[in-house]
Amino acid sequence: MRKLIDQIAQPVASLLFLAGSVMFLPAFASMAVMGVWCFIGGSGILFLHSVSASA
């Protein structure tokens, strides 16, 4: 089960960071707030993943 969580959490967090980065490009400036939430979501997933890995 732990390996499955690893295989899902890291790619999802990476995709959120990628989407957030794209939303900060000038062509997508109207989506900047959504980009911030993508960064927050990706950071939260990585934080929870690292905390659960050390426990």
PDB file of N, CA and C in Angstrom:
ATOM      1  N   MET A   1       0.822  -1.196   0.000  1.00  0.00           N
ATOM      2  CA  MET A   1       0.000   0.000   0.000  1.00  0.00           C
ATOM      3  C   MET A   1       0.867   1.261   0.000  1.00  0.00           C
ATOM      4  N   ARG A   2       1.952   1.227   0.785  1.00  0.00           N
ATOM      5  CA  ARG A   2       2.853   2.386   0.868  1.00  0.00           C
ATOM      6  C   ARG A   2       3.453   2.719  -0.498  1.00  0.00           C
ATOM      7  N   LYS A   3       3.839   1.701  -1.232  1.00  0.00           N
ATOM      8  CA  LYS A   3       4.437   1.919  -2.550  1.00  0.00           C
ATOM      9  C   LYS A   3       3.418   2.548  -3.513  1.00  0.00           C
ATOM     10  N   LEU A   4       2.171   2.131  -3.409  1.00  0.00           N
ATOM     11  CA  LEU A   4       1.119   2.698  -4.259  1.00  0.00           C
ATOM     12  C   LEU A   4       0.930   4.184  -3.958  1.00  0.00           C
ATOM     13  N   ILE A   5       0.943   4.537  -2.681  1.00  0.00           N
ATOM     14  CA  ILE A   5       0.818   5.944  -2.300  1.00  0.00           C
ATOM     15  C   ILE A   5       2.000   6.741  -2.849  1.00  0.00           C
ATOM     16  N   ASP A   6       3.207   6.182  -2.751  1.00  0.00           N
ATOM     17  CA  ASP A   6       4.386   6.843  -3.317  1.00  0.00           C
ATOM     18  C   ASP A   6       4.241   7.058  -4.818  1.00  0.00           C
ATOM     19  N   GLN A   7       3.739   6.047  -5.502  1.00  0.00           N
ATOM     20  CA  GLN A   7       3.613   6.124  -6.955  1.00  0.00           C
ATOM     21  C   GLN A   7       2.542   7.115  -7.390  1.00  0.00           C
ATOM     22  N   ILE A   8       1.603   7.426  -6.524  1.00  0.00           N
ATOM     23  CA  ILE A   8       0.529   8.361  -6.874  1.00  0.00           C
ATOM     24  C   ILE A   8       0.839   9.772  -6.385  1.00  0.00           C
ATOM     25  N   ALA A   9       1.310   9.914  -5.149  1.00  0.00           N
ATOM     26  CA  ALA A   9       1.481  11.238  -4.529  1.00  0.00           C
ATOM     27  C   ALA A   9       2.507  12.093  -5.258  1.00  0.00           C
ATOM     28  N   GLN A  10       3.657  11.544  -5.563  1.00  0.00           N
ATOM     29  CA  GLN A  10       4.703  12.352  -6.176  1.00  0.00           C
ATOM     30  C   GLN A  10       4.340  12.816  -7.589  1.00  0.00           C
ATOM     31  N   PRO A  11       3.807  11.964  -8.452  1.00  0.00           N
ATOM     32  CA  PRO A  11       3.406  12.471  -9.778  1.00  0.00           C
ATOM     33  C   PRO A  11       2.277  13.497  -9.713  1.00  0.00           C
ATOM     34  N   VAL A  12       1.319  13.302  -8.815  1.00  0.00           N
ATOM     35  CA  VAL A  12       0.219  14.267  -8.689  1.00  0.00           C
ATOM     36  C   VAL A  12       0.772  15.617  -8.230  1.00  0.00           C
ATOM     37  N   ALA A  13       1.655  15.612  -7.240  1.00  0.00           N
ATOM     38  CA  ALA A  13       2.259  16.859  -6.769  1.00  0.00           C
ATOM     39  C   ALA A  13       3.055  17.526  -7.889  1.00  0.00           C
ATOM     40  N   SER A  14       3.792  16.746  -8.647  1.00  0.00           N
ATOM     41  CA  SER A  14       4.565  17.296  -9.765  1.00  0.00           C
ATOM     42  C   SER A  14       3.656  17.913 -10.820  1.00  0.00           C
ATOM     43  N   LEU A  15       2.560  17.258 -11.131  1.00  0.00           N
ATOM     44  CA  LEU A  15       1.617  17.800 -12.105  1.00  0.00           C
ATOM     45  C   LEU A  15       0.979  19.095 -11.607  1.00  0.00           C
ATOM     46  N   LEU A  16       0.695  19.161 -10.314  1.00  0.00           N
ATOM     47  CA  LEU A  16       0.151  20.402  -9.756  1.00  0.00           C
ATOM     48  C   LEU A  16       1.160  21.537  -9.871  1.00  0.00           C
ATOM     49  N   PHE A  17       2.437  21.261  -9.584  1.00  0.00           N
ATOM     50  CA  PHE A  17       3.462  22.290  -9.731  1.00  0.00           C
ATOM     51  C   PHE A  17       3.605  22.712 -11.199  1.00  0.00           C
ATOM     52  N   LEU A  18       3.559  21.773 -12.107  1.00  0.00           N
ATOM     53  CA  LEU A  18       3.654  22.094 -13.530  1.00  0.00           C
ATOM     54  C   LEU A  18       2.473  22.951 -13.969  1.00  0.00           C
ATOM     55  N   ALA A  19       1.278  22.545 -13.585  1.00  0.00           N
ATOM     56  CA  ALA A  19       0.081  23.320 -13.942  1.00  0.00           C
ATOM     57  C   ALA A  19       0.149  24.716 -13.342  1.00  0.00           C
ATOM     58  N   GLY A  20       0.582  24.820 -12.098  1.00  0.00           N
ATOM     59  CA  GLY A  20       0.712  26.125 -11.466  1.00  0.00           C
ATOM     60  C   GLY A  20       1.716  27.007 -12.178  1.00  0.00           C
ATOM     61  N   SER A  21       2.809  26.420 -12.625  1.00  0.00           N
ATOM     62  CA  SER A  21       3.818  27.188 -13.360  1.00  0.00           C
ATOM     63  C   SER A  21       3.262  27.716 -14.672  1.00  0.00           C
ATOM     64  N   VAL A  22       2.535  26.886 -15.390  1.00  0.00           N
ATOM     65  CA  VAL A  22       1.950  27.305 -16.670  1.00  0.00           C
ATOM     66  C   VAL A  22       0.960  28.438 -16.449  1.00  0.00           C
ATOM     67  N   MET A  23       0.205  28.372 -15.370  1.00  0.00           N
ATOM     68  CA  MET A  23      -0.804  29.395 -15.108  1.00  0.00           C
ATOM     69  C   MET A  23      -0.207  30.756 -14.777  1.00  0.00           C
ATOM     70  N   PHE A  24       1.095  30.811 -14.502  1.00  0.00           N
ATOM     71  CA  PHE A  24       1.758  32.089 -14.273  1.00  0.00           C
ATOM     72  C   PHE A  24       2.335  32.688 -15.545  1.00  0.00           C
ATOM     73  N   LEU A  25       2.248  31.993 -16.668  1.00  0.00           N
ATOM     74  CA  LEU A  25       2.705  32.559 -17.941  1.00  0.00           C
ATOM     75  C   LEU A  25       1.772  33.698 -18.346  1.00  0.00           C
ATOM     76  N   PRO A  26       2.307  34.693 -19.046  1.00  0.00           N
ATOM     77  CA  PRO A  26       1.470  35.846 -19.438  1.00  0.00           C
ATOM     78  C   PRO A  26       0.199  35.464 -20.199  1.00  0.00           C
ATOM     79  N   ALA A  27       0.251  34.448 -21.020  1.00  0.00           N
ATOM     80  CA  ALA A  27      -0.927  34.038 -21.793  1.00  0.00           C
ATOM     81  C   ALA A  27      -2.048  33.512 -20.899  1.00  0.00           C
ATOM     82  N   PHE A  28      -1.710  33.069 -19.709  1.00  0.00           N
ATOM     83  CA  PHE A  28      -2.700  32.508 -18.785  1.00  0.00           C
ATOM     84  C   PHE A  28      -2.824  33.348 -17.516  1.00  0.00           C
ATOM     85  N   ALA A  29      -2.521  34.633 -17.619  1.00  0.00           N
ATOM     86  CA  ALA A  29      -2.483  35.516 -16.445  1.00  0.00           C
ATOM     87  C   ALA A  29      -3.809  35.527 -15.681  1.00  0.00           C
ATOM     88  N   SER A  30      -4.907  35.330 -16.382  1.00  0.00           N
ATOM     89  CA  SER A  30      -6.205  35.336 -15.702  1.00  0.00           C
ATOM     90  C   SER A  30      -6.374  34.118 -14.782  1.00  0.00           C
ATOM     91  N   MET A  31      -5.495  33.145 -14.910  1.00  0.00           N
ATOM     92  CA  MET A  31      -5.584  31.929 -14.090  1.00  0.00           C
ATOM     93  C   MET A  31      -4.525  31.897 -12.991  1.00  0.00           C
ATOM     94  N   ALA A  32      -3.910  33.043 -12.707  1.00  0.00           N
ATOM     95  CA  ALA A  32      -2.818  33.084 -11.728  1.00  0.00           C
ATOM     96  C   ALA A  32      -3.262  32.632 -10.339  1.00  0.00           C
ATOM     97  N   VAL A  33      -4.470  32.994  -9.940  1.00  0.00           N
ATOM     98  CA  VAL A  33      -4.955  32.582  -8.611  1.00  0.00           C
ATOM     99  C   VAL A  33      -5.075  31.057  -8.544  1.00  0.00           C
ATOM    100  N   MET A  34      -5.558  30.458  -9.619  1.00  0.00           N
ATOM    101  CA  MET A  34      -5.634  28.997  -9.672  1.00  0.00           C
ATOM    102  C   MET A  34      -4.225  28.391  -9.608  1.00  0.00           C
ATOM    103  N   GLY A  35      -3.270  29.070 -10.224  1.00  0.00           N
ATOM    104  CA  GLY A  35      -1.880  28.619 -10.160  1.00  0.00           C
ATOM    105  C   GLY A  35      -1.356  28.599  -8.743  1.00  0.00           C
ATOM    106  N   VAL A  36      -1.718  29.620  -7.969  1.00  0.00           N
ATOM    107  CA  VAL A  36      -1.314  29.667  -6.557  1.00  0.00           C
ATOM    108  C   VAL A  36      -1.874  28.462  -5.815  1.00  0.00           C
ATOM    109  N   TRP A  37      -3.144  28.146  -6.065  1.00  0.00           N
ATOM    110  CA  TRP A  37      -3.764  26.994  -5.387  1.00  0.00           C
ATOM    111  C   TRP A  37      -3.133  25.681  -5.828  1.00  0.00           C
ATOM    112  N   CYS A  38      -2.691  25.600  -7.077  1.00  0.00           N
ATOM    113  CA  CYS A  38      -1.977  24.398  -7.528  1.00  0.00           C
ATOM    114  C   CYS A  38      -0.659  24.248  -6.770  1.00  0.00           C
ATOM    115  N   PHE A  39       0.078  25.369  -6.595  1.00  0.00           N
ATOM    116  CA  PHE A  39       1.316  25.324  -5.825  1.00  0.00           C
ATOM    117  C   PHE A  39       1.052  24.906  -4.380  1.00  0.00           C
ATOM    118  N   ILE A  40       0.020  25.464  -3.773  1.00  0.00           N
ATOM    119  CA  ILE A  40      -0.314  25.120  -2.389  1.00  0.00           C
ATOM    120  C   ILE A  40      -0.688  23.639  -2.289  1.00  0.00           C
ATOM    121  N   GLY A  41      -1.497  23.156  -3.226  1.00  0.00           N
ATOM    122  CA  GLY A  41      -1.877  21.741  -3.220  1.00  0.00           C
ATOM    123  C   GLY A  41      -0.683  20.821  -3.398  1.00  0.00           C
ATOM    124  N   GLY A  42       0.188  21.148  -4.354  1.00  0.00           N
ATOM    125  CA  GLY A  42       1.386  20.340  -4.581  1.00  0.00           C
ATOM    126  C   GLY A  42       2.298  20.336  -3.371  1.00  0.00           C
ATOM    127  N   SER A  43       2.459  21.503  -2.750  1.00  0.00           N
ATOM    128  CA  SER A  43       3.294  21.596  -1.548  1.00  0.00           C
ATOM    129  C   SER A  43       2.705  20.782  -0.404  1.00  0.00           C
ATOM    130  N   GLY A  44       1.392  20.865  -0.251  1.00  0.00           N
ATOM    131  CA  GLY A  44       0.730  20.100   0.803  1.00  0.00           C
ATOM    132  C   GLY A  44       0.900  18.598   0.626  1.00  0.00           C
ATOM    133  N   ILE A  45       0.752  18.142  -0.605  1.00  0.00           N
ATOM    134  CA  ILE A  45       0.919  16.707  -0.873  1.00  0.00           C
ATOM    135  C   ILE A  45       2.350  16.276  -0.558  1.00  0.00           C
ATOM    136  N   LEU A  46       3.341  17.053  -1.007  1.00  0.00           N
ATOM    137  CA  LEU A  46       4.731  16.689  -0.736  1.00  0.00           C
ATOM    138  C   LEU A  46       5.044  16.739   0.756  1.00  0.00           C
ATOM    139  N   PHE A  47       4.482  17.713   1.454  1.00  0.00           N
ATOM    140  CA  PHE A  47       4.695  17.799   2.903  1.00  0.00           C
ATOM    141  C   PHE A  47       4.115  16.581   3.608  1.00  0.00           C
ATOM    142  N   LEU A  48       2.865  16.262   3.313  1.00  0.00           N
ATOM    143  CA  LEU A  48       2.235  15.099   3.952  1.00  0.00           C
ATOM    144  C   LEU A  48       2.958  13.809   3.597  1.00  0.00           C
ATOM    145  N   HIS A  49       3.420  13.718   2.374  1.00  0.00           N
ATOM    146  CA  HIS A  49       4.149  12.532   1.939  1.00  0.00           C
ATOM    147  C   HIS A  49       5.453  12.382   2.711  1.00  0.00           C
ATOM    148  N   SER A  50       6.184  13.490   2.895  1.00  0.00           N
ATOM    149  CA  SER A  50       7.455  13.417   3.612  1.00  0.00           C
ATOM    150  C   SER A  50       7.245  13.136   5.107  1.00  0.00           C
ATOM    151  N   VAL A  51       6.188  13.707   5.690  1.00  0.00           N
ATOM    152  CA  VAL A  51       5.906  13.451   7.106  1.00  0.00           C
ATOM    153  C   VAL A  51       5.526  11.992   7.316  1.00  0.00           C
ATOM    154  N   SER A  52       4.707  11.454   6.419  1.00  0.00           N
ATOM    155  CA  SER A  52       4.296  10.059   6.583  1.00  0.00           C
ATOM    156  C   SER A  52       5.453   9.105   6.305  1.00  0.00           C
ATOM    157  N   ALA A  53       6.406   9.500   5.473  1.00  0.00           N
ATOM    158  CA  ALA A  53       7.549   8.635   5.178  1.00  0.00           C
ATOM    159  C   ALA A  53       8.497   8.552   6.359  1.00  0.00           C
ATOM    160  N   SER A  54       8.578   9.625   7.141  1.00  0.00           N
ATOM    161  CA  SER A  54       9.502   9.637   8.272  1.00  0.00           C
ATOM    162  C   SER A  54       8.885   9.019   9.532  1.00  0.00           C
ATOM    163  N   ALA A  55       7.604   8.758   9.497  1.00  0.00           N
ATOM    164  CA  ALA A  55       6.937   8.196  10.685  1.00  0.00           C
ATOM    165  C   ALA A  55       7.062   6.699  10.756  1.00  0.00           C
TER     166      ALA A  55
END
